[in-house]
Amino acid sequence: MRAVIQRVARASVTIHGEETAAIQNGLLILLGVTHGDGEKEADYLAAKCAGLRIFRDSEDKMNLSVADTGGEVIVVSQFTLYADCRKGKRPAFVDAARPETAIPLYERFVEKLRETGLKVGTGRFGADMQVSLLNDGPVTILMDTDEMMKKQERQ
C-alpha cells in the first residue's frame, strides 16, 4: 500500500457538486492499493498514519499526532499512486489492485483509523472527485508498506 499524507489547514472532497467530506486542521491521505496487499498492510499503515507526529507542539517542533491535536482525517482512494511511467508518456496502472481487492482494504484502512478515535471522512471509491486542500507547512509524507515493512523485518 502507498499513502501520500498531507498535513492540511483544511481539505474537502466534492463528488458531482456535493461535498462529501470536509475538515479543518488534520490529514488528507491519498491511499493506493497494489497486488499482494492484505489486512496486515492496511492495519500497519493505518497505525503509522494515526501516530505520525507531524503537527507542531508548543515549542514549534513536529512532535504531535493528528489525534494529539484533535484533528480530523480525509482518506481518498488513489489508484494512480501505482502509475508506471517508465515507458512512453502514458502511465500504466497494472500495479494498482482491482476494485474487488482494493475496496475492502481501503475500507479496512478507514475503519482502523476510526478505531483509534479519529473522525474520518472519505471520498467515494472509483468516483470522479474534486479534492481541495490547503497544505499546512507544506508537510507531505510518502509511505509505502513494501519498503517500510521490509526494512522493519531486516532490523
C-alpha atoms as a PDB file:
ATOM      1  CA  MET A   1       0.000   0.000   0.000  1.00  0.00           C
ATOM      2  CA  ARG A   2       1.051   3.541  -0.623  1.00  0.00           C
ATOM      3  CA  ALA A   3      -0.127   6.650   1.122  1.00  0.00           C
ATOM      4  CA  VAL A   4       0.558  10.298   0.495  1.00  0.00           C
ATOM      5  CA  ILE A   5      -0.106  12.034   3.798  1.00  0.00           C
ATOM      6  CA  GLN A   6      -0.574  15.780   3.761  1.00  0.00           C
ATOM      7  CA  ARG A   7      -0.893  17.967   6.836  1.00  0.00           C
ATOM      8  CA  VAL A   8      -3.677  20.370   5.955  1.00  0.00           C
ATOM      9  CA  ALA A   9      -5.235  23.525   7.351  1.00  0.00           C
ATOM     10  CA  ARG A  10      -8.398  22.447   5.532  1.00  0.00           C
ATOM     11  CA  ALA A  11      -9.478  19.886   2.965  1.00  0.00           C
ATOM     12  CA  SER A  12     -12.660  18.737   1.270  1.00  0.00           C
ATOM     13  CA  VAL A  13     -13.947  16.226  -1.256  1.00  0.00           C
ATOM     14  CA  THR A  14     -16.714  17.033  -3.721  1.00  0.00           C
ATOM     15  CA  ILE A  15     -18.473  14.490  -5.944  1.00  0.00           C
ATOM     16  CA  HIS A  16     -20.934  15.665  -8.621  1.00  0.00           C
ATOM     17  CA  GLY A  17     -21.229  19.055  -6.929  1.00  0.00           C
ATOM     18  CA  GLU A  18     -21.911  17.588  -3.463  1.00  0.00           C
ATOM     19  CA  GLU A  19     -19.351  17.993  -0.680  1.00  0.00           C
ATOM     20  CA  THR A  20     -18.944  14.527   0.856  1.00  0.00           C
ATOM     21  CA  ALA A  21     -16.225  15.330   3.401  1.00  0.00           C
ATOM     22  CA  ALA A  22     -14.616  18.439   4.850  1.00  0.00           C
ATOM     23  CA  ILE A  23     -12.118  19.012   7.642  1.00  0.00           C
ATOM     24  CA  GLN A  24     -10.101  21.745   9.300  1.00  0.00           C
ATOM     25  CA  ASN A  25      -6.587  21.060  10.642  1.00  0.00           C
ATOM     26  CA  GLY A  26      -5.826  17.434  10.041  1.00  0.00           C
ATOM     27  CA  LEU A  27      -4.611  14.959   7.457  1.00  0.00           C
ATOM     28  CA  LEU A  28      -5.563  14.322   3.863  1.00  0.00           C
ATOM     29  CA  ILE A  29      -4.469  10.783   2.991  1.00  0.00           C
ATOM     30  CA  LEU A  30      -4.366   9.577  -0.609  1.00  0.00           C
ATOM     31  CA  LEU A  31      -4.332   5.764  -0.478  1.00  0.00           C
ATOM     32  CA  GLY A  32      -3.286   3.292  -3.168  1.00  0.00           C
ATOM     33  CA  VAL A  33      -3.537  -0.498  -3.033  1.00  0.00           C
ATOM     34  CA  THR A  34      -1.427  -2.930  -5.056  1.00  0.00           C
ATOM     35  CA  HIS A  35      -1.401  -6.667  -5.718  1.00  0.00           C
ATOM     36  CA  GLY A  36      -0.376  -8.696  -2.702  1.00  0.00           C
ATOM     37  CA  ASP A  37      -1.591  -6.134  -0.179  1.00  0.00           C
ATOM     38  CA  GLY A  38      -3.720  -7.514   2.621  1.00  0.00           C
ATOM     39  CA  GLU A  39      -5.125  -6.750   6.028  1.00  0.00           C
ATOM     40  CA  LYS A  40      -1.638  -6.747   7.559  1.00  0.00           C
ATOM     41  CA  GLU A  41      -0.562  -3.854   5.310  1.00  0.00           C
ATOM     42  CA  ALA A  42      -3.814  -1.930   5.893  1.00  0.00           C
ATOM     43  CA  ASP A  43      -3.540  -2.285   9.672  1.00  0.00           C
ATOM     44  CA  TYR A  44       0.149  -1.365   9.717  1.00  0.00           C
ATOM     45  CA  LEU A  45      -0.287   1.702   7.538  1.00  0.00           C
ATOM     46  CA  ALA A  46      -3.349   2.945   9.433  1.00  0.00           C
ATOM     47  CA  ALA A  47      -1.453   2.718  12.732  1.00  0.00           C
ATOM     48  CA  LYS A  48       1.529   4.555  11.248  1.00  0.00           C
ATOM     49  CA  CYS A  49      -0.681   7.339   9.858  1.00  0.00           C
ATOM     50  CA  ALA A  50      -2.654   7.735  13.097  1.00  0.00           C
ATOM     51  CA  GLY A  51       0.522   8.019  15.152  1.00  0.00           C
ATOM     52  CA  LEU A  52       2.576  10.114  12.744  1.00  0.00           C
ATOM     53  CA  ARG A  53       3.967  13.059  14.703  1.00  0.00           C
ATOM     54  CA  ILE A  54       3.927  15.867  12.133  1.00  0.00           C
ATOM     55  CA  PHE A  55       1.962  18.551  13.984  1.00  0.00           C
ATOM     56  CA  ARG A  56       3.615  21.384  15.890  1.00  0.00           C
ATOM     57  CA  ASP A  57       3.877  21.332  19.660  1.00  0.00           C
ATOM     58  CA  SER A  58       4.170  24.389  21.946  1.00  0.00           C
ATOM     59  CA  GLU A  59       7.867  24.681  21.013  1.00  0.00           C
ATOM     60  CA  ASP A  60       7.048  24.700  17.273  1.00  0.00           C
ATOM     61  CA  LYS A  61       8.533  21.218  16.753  1.00  0.00           C
ATOM     62  CA  MET A  62       6.769  18.476  14.790  1.00  0.00           C
ATOM     63  CA  ASN A  63       6.018  16.337  17.804  1.00  0.00           C
ATOM     64  CA  LEU A  64       2.249  15.754  17.885  1.00  0.00           C
ATOM     65  CA  SER A  65      -0.033  13.324  16.043  1.00  0.00           C
ATOM     66  CA  VAL A  66      -3.352  14.201  14.455  1.00  0.00           C
ATOM     67  CA  ALA A  67      -5.106  12.677  17.480  1.00  0.00           C
ATOM     68  CA  ASP A  68      -2.995  14.775  19.877  1.00  0.00           C
ATOM     69  CA  THR A  69      -4.234  17.942  18.177  1.00  0.00           C
ATOM     70  CA  GLY A  70      -7.898  16.918  17.907  1.00  0.00           C
ATOM     71  CA  GLY A  71      -7.537  16.930  14.131  1.00  0.00           C
ATOM     72  CA  GLU A  72      -9.561  15.009  11.592  1.00  0.00           C
ATOM     73  CA  VAL A  73      -8.716  12.907   8.549  1.00  0.00           C
ATOM     74  CA  ILE A  74      -9.976  12.515   4.997  1.00  0.00           C
ATOM     75  CA  VAL A  75      -8.998   9.354   3.100  1.00  0.00           C
ATOM     76  CA  VAL A  76      -9.265   9.304  -0.698  1.00  0.00           C
ATOM     77  CA  SER A  77      -8.678   6.205  -2.818  1.00  0.00           C
ATOM     78  CA  GLN A  78      -5.951   6.905  -5.367  1.00  0.00           C
ATOM     79  CA  PHE A  79      -5.082   4.076  -7.755  1.00  0.00           C
ATOM     80  CA  THR A  80      -2.811   6.475  -9.669  1.00  0.00           C
ATOM     81  CA  LEU A  81      -0.236   6.167  -6.862  1.00  0.00           C
ATOM     82  CA  TYR A  82       0.711   2.930  -8.627  1.00  0.00           C
ATOM     83  CA  ALA A  83       1.216   4.517 -12.042  1.00  0.00           C
ATOM     84  CA  ASP A  84       4.098   3.057 -14.034  1.00  0.00           C
ATOM     85  CA  CYS A  85       5.628   5.821 -16.154  1.00  0.00           C
ATOM     86  CA  ARG A  86       8.784   4.020 -17.287  1.00  0.00           C
ATOM     87  CA  LYS A  87       7.665   3.507 -20.891  1.00  0.00           C
ATOM     88  CA  GLY A  88       6.204   6.115 -23.164  1.00  0.00           C
ATOM     89  CA  LYS A  89       4.206   9.085 -21.990  1.00  0.00           C
ATOM     90  CA  ARG A  90       1.000   7.372 -20.944  1.00  0.00           C
ATOM     91  CA  PRO A  91       1.052   5.835 -17.455  1.00  0.00           C
ATOM     92  CA  ALA A  92       0.144   2.188 -16.999  1.00  0.00           C
ATOM     93  CA  PHE A  93      -1.836   1.201 -13.928  1.00  0.00           C
ATOM     94  CA  VAL A  94      -1.259  -2.565 -13.940  1.00  0.00           C
ATOM     95  CA  ASP A  95       0.273  -2.394 -10.449  1.00  0.00           C
ATOM     96  CA  ALA A  96      -2.933  -0.980  -8.944  1.00  0.00           C
ATOM     97  CA  ALA A  97      -5.141  -3.632  -7.348  1.00  0.00           C
ATOM     98  CA  ARG A  98      -8.508  -4.387  -8.915  1.00  0.00           C
ATOM     99  CA  PRO A  99     -11.552  -2.958  -7.097  1.00  0.00           C
ATOM    100  CA  GLU A 100     -12.576  -6.329  -5.661  1.00  0.00           C
ATOM    101  CA  THR A 101      -9.260  -6.363  -3.767  1.00  0.00           C
ATOM    102  CA  ALA A 102      -8.760  -2.643  -3.219  1.00  0.00           C
ATOM    103  CA  ILE A 103     -12.190  -1.669  -1.873  1.00  0.00           C
ATOM    104  CA  PRO A 104     -12.183  -3.986   1.184  1.00  0.00           C
ATOM    105  CA  LEU A 105      -8.617  -2.917   2.051  1.00  0.00           C
ATOM    106  CA  TYR A 106      -9.459   0.766   1.629  1.00  0.00           C
ATOM    107  CA  GLU A 107     -12.480   0.275   3.902  1.00  0.00           C
ATOM    108  CA  ARG A 108     -10.387  -1.618   6.460  1.00  0.00           C
ATOM    109  CA  PHE A 109      -7.781   1.175   6.474  1.00  0.00           C
ATOM    110  CA  VAL A 110     -10.525   3.748   7.149  1.00  0.00           C
ATOM    111  CA  GLU A 111     -12.063   1.581   9.880  1.00  0.00           C
ATOM    112  CA  LYS A 112      -8.684   1.082  11.591  1.00  0.00           C
ATOM    113  CA  LEU A 113      -8.201   4.858  11.662  1.00  0.00           C
ATOM    114  CA  ARG A 114     -11.673   5.277  13.186  1.00  0.00           C
ATOM    115  CA  GLU A 115     -10.875   2.654  15.819  1.00  0.00           C
ATOM    116  CA  THR A 116      -8.135   4.969  17.100  1.00  0.00           C
ATOM    117  CA  GLY A 117     -10.818   7.552  17.874  1.00  0.00           C
ATOM    118  CA  LEU A 118     -10.190   9.754  14.853  1.00  0.00           C
ATOM    119  CA  LYS A 119     -13.036  11.350  12.918  1.00  0.00           C
ATOM    120  CA  VAL A 120     -12.500  10.147   9.333  1.00  0.00           C
ATOM    121  CA  GLY A 121     -14.245  11.363   6.199  1.00  0.00           C
ATOM    122  CA  THR A 122     -13.853   9.736   2.814  1.00  0.00           C
ATOM    123  CA  GLY A 123     -14.269  10.183  -0.868  1.00  0.00           C
ATOM    124  CA  ARG A 124     -16.069   7.509  -2.861  1.00  0.00           C
ATOM    125  CA  PHE A 125     -14.056   4.674  -4.337  1.00  0.00           C
ATOM    126  CA  GLY A 126     -13.888   4.943  -8.112  1.00  0.00           C
ATOM    127  CA  ALA A 127     -15.773   8.250  -8.289  1.00  0.00           C
ATOM    128  CA  ASP A 128     -14.630  11.332 -10.165  1.00  0.00           C
ATOM    129  CA  MET A 129     -13.742  13.538  -7.190  1.00  0.00           C
ATOM    130  CA  GLN A 130     -12.578  17.084  -6.749  1.00  0.00           C
ATOM    131  CA  VAL A 131     -10.203  17.252  -3.803  1.00  0.00           C
ATOM    132  CA  SER A 132      -9.429  20.649  -2.382  1.00  0.00           C
ATOM    133  CA  LEU A 133      -6.777  21.307   0.240  1.00  0.00           C
ATOM    134  CA  LEU A 134      -4.660  23.935   1.849  1.00  0.00           C
ATOM    135  CA  ASN A 135      -1.391  22.163   2.664  1.00  0.00           C
ATOM    136  CA  ASP A 136      -0.028  23.292   6.032  1.00  0.00           C
ATOM    137  CA  GLY A 137       3.738  23.714   6.108  1.00  0.00           C
ATOM    138  CA  PRO A 138       3.773  22.296   3.496  1.00  0.00           C
ATOM    139  CA  VAL A 139       4.172  18.863   5.042  1.00  0.00           C
ATOM    140  CA  THR A 140       3.754  15.910   2.676  1.00  0.00           C
ATOM    141  CA  ILE A 141       4.915  12.397   3.572  1.00  0.00           C
ATOM    142  CA  LEU A 142       5.036   9.330   1.322  1.00  0.00           C
ATOM    143  CA  MET A 143       4.681   5.908   2.938  1.00  0.00           C
ATOM    144  CA  ASP A 144       4.993   2.586   1.134  1.00  0.00           C
ATOM    145  CA  THR A 145       4.353  -0.587   3.121  1.00  0.00           C
ATOM    146  CA  ASP A 146       6.587  -2.653   0.829  1.00  0.00           C
ATOM    147  CA  GLU A 147       9.585  -0.514   1.702  1.00  0.00           C
ATOM    148  CA  MET A 148       8.683   0.104   5.347  1.00  0.00           C
ATOM    149  CA  MET A 149       7.793  -3.449   6.311  1.00  0.00           C
ATOM    150  CA  LYS A 150      10.831  -4.945   4.544  1.00  0.00           C
ATOM    151  CA  LYS A 151      13.174  -2.564   6.367  1.00  0.00           C
ATOM    152  CA  GLN A 152      11.468  -3.367   9.656  1.00  0.00           C
ATOM    153  CA  GLU A 153      11.881  -7.125   9.072  1.00  0.00           C
ATOM    154  CA  ARG A 154      15.615  -6.675   8.396  1.00  0.00           C
ATOM    155  CA  GLN A 155      16.196  -4.865  11.679  1.00  0.00           C
END
